[in-house]
Amino acid sequence: PLGEKMRWWRFIVAHRRVIRAEQMRWIQRNSRPVSTSFLEEAKSVDSLDPMTTIGLYGLEYSDGDPFRWTHPLFVLRLESPRTSGLLILETRNLSRQIQQSTISAAIASKAASKGDISVDKAGNIGLRIRKSAKVGREVAVAIAVPEIAEPETDTAPGRRLGLPLFSVRFVPDRPVPA
């Protein structure tokens, strides 16, 4: 027989797993992917439905502009694009100069090649999204970046941060017929 403390610890660990799994199922049932045509004009992160992006912290401000920190791994759900294009994530190099070699991405369950990922001097991350007949009505874009560990304070626990996300935009390779 296990001691009381060990049983309680095992219960807490198992409970966390159940809660995480149920949260993911709830998100899957109750959220909609964002339309790439909606993103053809840059959309501030505060104008996006929070349920379209999994792995965001609360809204913060830098010089009056809203942004959200991502987790080191986050997922953006898009409707399947009607044409290929470039998904641009604006980060403004708020915390550090982002290096292309440190970014990994998967688009529609396929690892993105380094040629599909670009970073400019302003900190905008570009991800090449290709139109595909094999993709369903939704494309999940998973992005992994090195973690920034925010230290714990007296009033708040530390956070595991990824990117500061200011806006998202989709630039089609060619105009989409209406």
Protein backbone atom coordinates (compact mmCIF):
# COMPACT_ATOMS: atom_id res chain seq x y z
CA PRO A 1 0.00 0.00 0.00
CA LEU A 2 1.10 3.54 -0.80
CA GLY A 3 1.30 6.27 1.78
CA GLU A 4 -1.23 9.11 1.87
CA LYS A 5 1.19 11.67 0.36
CA MET A 6 2.14 9.37 -2.53
CA ARG A 7 -1.52 8.60 -3.34
CA TRP A 8 -2.38 12.31 -3.30
CA TRP A 9 0.59 13.15 -5.56
CA ARG A 10 -0.40 10.42 -8.05
CA PHE A 11 -4.01 11.67 -8.02
CA ILE A 12 -2.89 15.24 -8.80
CA VAL A 13 -0.67 14.09 -11.70
CA ALA A 14 -3.45 11.95 -13.18
CA HIS A 15 -5.98 14.75 -12.72
CA ARG A 16 -3.75 17.22 -14.62
CA ARG A 17 -3.53 14.78 -17.56
CA VAL A 18 -7.32 14.41 -17.68
CA ILE A 19 -7.85 18.18 -17.50
CA ARG A 20 -5.34 18.87 -20.31
CA ALA A 21 -6.89 16.24 -22.56
CA GLU A 22 -10.41 17.56 -21.94
CA GLN A 23 -9.30 21.14 -22.61
CA MET A 24 -7.90 20.07 -25.99
CA ARG A 25 -11.10 18.19 -26.85
CA TRP A 26 -13.17 21.23 -25.88
CA ILE A 27 -11.05 23.49 -28.11
CA GLN A 28 -11.43 21.07 -31.01
CA ARG A 29 -15.24 20.97 -30.63
CA ASN A 30 -15.84 24.65 -29.92
CA SER A 31 -13.47 26.66 -32.08
CA ARG A 32 -13.23 27.64 -35.70
CA PRO A 33 -10.11 28.06 -37.83
CA VAL A 34 -9.34 31.59 -39.00
CA SER A 35 -9.85 32.33 -42.70
CA THR A 36 -6.76 33.17 -44.76
CA SER A 37 -8.83 35.72 -46.73
CA PHE A 38 -9.60 37.42 -43.37
CA LEU A 39 -5.84 37.60 -42.75
CA GLU A 40 -4.99 39.27 -46.08
CA GLU A 41 -4.90 42.51 -44.10
CA ALA A 42 -2.65 42.24 -41.05
CA LYS A 43 -4.77 41.40 -38.01
CA SER A 44 -3.64 42.48 -34.58
CA VAL A 45 -3.38 39.57 -32.17
CA ASP A 46 -6.19 41.06 -30.06
CA SER A 47 -8.61 40.90 -33.02
CA LEU A 48 -8.09 37.16 -33.51
CA ASP A 49 -10.44 34.68 -31.87
CA PRO A 50 -8.29 33.28 -29.02
CA MET A 51 -9.58 29.80 -29.87
CA THR A 52 -7.86 29.82 -33.27
CA THR A 53 -4.43 29.86 -31.66
CA ILE A 54 -3.48 27.29 -29.06
CA GLY A 55 -0.63 28.31 -26.80
CA LEU A 56 -1.05 32.04 -26.10
CA TYR A 57 -0.72 33.96 -22.87
CA GLY A 58 -2.91 36.94 -21.96
CA LEU A 59 -2.87 40.28 -23.73
CA GLU A 60 0.03 42.63 -22.91
CA TYR A 61 1.16 45.97 -24.35
CA SER A 62 4.45 47.31 -25.70
CA ASP A 63 4.52 51.05 -26.51
CA GLY A 64 0.71 50.98 -26.58
CA ASP A 65 0.51 48.11 -29.09
CA PRO A 66 -1.18 44.86 -28.01
CA PHE A 67 0.69 41.57 -28.21
CA ARG A 68 0.54 38.11 -26.69
CA TRP A 69 3.43 35.89 -25.71
CA THR A 70 3.21 32.44 -27.19
CA HIS A 71 4.32 29.24 -25.54
CA PRO A 72 7.54 27.77 -27.00
CA LEU A 73 5.25 25.50 -29.05
CA PHE A 74 2.00 26.96 -30.35
CA VAL A 75 -0.55 26.11 -33.03
CA LEU A 76 -2.43 28.44 -35.38
CA ARG A 77 -5.51 26.93 -37.03
CA LEU A 78 -6.30 28.21 -40.54
CA GLU A 79 -8.98 27.42 -43.07
CA SER A 80 -7.38 25.74 -46.06
CA PRO A 81 -6.10 28.55 -48.26
CA ARG A 82 -7.55 28.89 -51.75
CA THR A 83 -4.08 29.75 -53.02
CA SER A 84 -0.51 29.35 -51.83
CA GLY A 85 1.03 32.23 -49.94
CA LEU A 86 3.13 33.48 -47.07
CA LEU A 87 1.88 33.51 -43.48
CA ILE A 88 3.62 36.38 -41.66
CA LEU A 89 3.93 36.51 -37.87
CA GLU A 90 4.99 39.95 -36.60
CA THR A 91 7.24 39.76 -33.51
CA ARG A 92 9.21 43.04 -33.71
CA ASN A 93 12.24 41.31 -32.14
CA LEU A 94 10.79 42.38 -28.78
CA SER A 95 12.81 39.97 -26.66
CA ARG A 96 15.67 38.90 -28.88
CA GLN A 97 16.82 38.76 -32.49
CA ILE A 98 15.10 35.69 -33.89
CA GLN A 99 17.27 33.35 -35.93
CA GLN A 100 15.79 31.28 -38.77
CA SER A 101 17.85 28.28 -37.67
CA THR A 102 16.08 28.17 -34.28
CA ILE A 103 12.53 27.96 -35.69
CA SER A 104 10.81 24.69 -36.48
CA ALA A 105 7.37 24.43 -38.03
CA ALA A 106 4.91 21.85 -39.23
CA ILE A 107 2.25 22.82 -41.73
CA ALA A 108 -0.66 20.41 -42.24
CA SER A 109 1.24 17.68 -40.34
CA LYS A 110 4.36 17.97 -42.52
CA ALA A 111 7.64 19.41 -41.31
CA ALA A 112 8.42 22.70 -43.03
CA SER A 113 11.77 22.85 -44.77
CA LYS A 114 14.17 25.64 -43.85
CA GLY A 115 13.37 27.13 -47.27
CA ASP A 116 9.72 27.49 -46.19
CA ILE A 117 10.72 29.57 -43.15
CA SER A 118 12.11 33.09 -43.35
CA VAL A 119 12.91 35.85 -40.86
CA ASP A 120 13.51 39.50 -41.75
CA LYS A 121 15.46 42.14 -39.78
CA ALA A 122 12.25 43.48 -38.19
CA GLY A 123 11.54 40.07 -36.67
CA ASN A 124 8.74 39.06 -39.02
CA ILE A 125 8.59 35.30 -39.44
CA GLY A 126 7.36 34.09 -42.82
CA LEU A 127 5.98 30.59 -43.33
CA ARG A 128 5.29 29.35 -46.86
CA ILE A 129 1.79 27.79 -46.97
CA ARG A 130 1.09 25.76 -50.09
CA LYS A 131 -2.38 25.01 -51.39
CA SER A 132 -2.92 21.27 -51.48
CA ALA A 133 -5.79 19.09 -52.62
CA LYS A 134 -4.81 16.56 -49.93
CA VAL A 135 -5.52 18.99 -47.09
CA GLY A 136 -9.01 19.06 -45.62
CA ARG A 137 -10.88 22.23 -44.79
CA GLU A 138 -8.42 23.16 -42.06
CA VAL A 139 -4.64 23.57 -41.84
CA ALA A 140 -2.84 23.50 -38.50
CA VAL A 141 0.43 25.41 -38.39
CA ALA A 142 2.58 24.34 -35.42
CA ILE A 143 5.57 26.52 -34.59
CA ALA A 144 8.35 25.70 -32.12
CA VAL A 145 10.94 28.21 -30.95
CA PRO A 146 13.54 28.19 -28.14
CA GLU A 147 12.10 28.84 -24.72
CA ILE A 148 12.64 32.04 -22.77
CA ALA A 149 12.27 31.32 -19.05
CA GLU A 150 10.62 34.18 -17.19
CA PRO A 151 11.70 34.04 -13.55
CA GLU A 152 9.24 33.49 -10.76
CA THR A 153 8.32 36.52 -8.63
CA ASP A 154 6.65 36.88 -5.24
CA THR A 155 3.29 37.52 -6.91
CA ALA A 156 3.44 35.32 -10.02
CA PRO A 157 4.91 32.01 -11.13
CA GLY A 158 7.49 32.03 -13.90
CA ARG A 159 6.36 31.52 -17.49
CA ARG A 160 7.81 29.55 -20.41
CA LEU A 161 7.72 32.04 -23.27
CA GLY A 162 8.12 31.62 -27.01
CA LEU A 163 7.48 34.58 -29.33
CA PRO A 164 5.92 37.99 -28.76
CA LEU A 165 3.11 37.92 -31.35
CA PHE A 166 1.77 41.32 -32.49
CA SER A 167 -0.08 40.47 -35.68
CA VAL A 168 -0.73 37.77 -38.25
CA ARG A 169 -1.10 38.26 -42.00
CA PHE A 170 -1.49 36.01 -45.05
CA VAL A 171 -0.07 37.27 -48.35
CA PRO A 172 -1.35 35.18 -51.28
CA ASP A 173 1.08 34.43 -54.11
CA ARG A 174 -1.52 35.66 -56.58
CA PRO A 175 -4.91 37.32 -56.20
CA VAL A 176 -7.71 34.92 -55.31
CA PRO A 177 -10.70 35.02 -57.66
CA ALA A 178 -13.91 36.00 -55.84
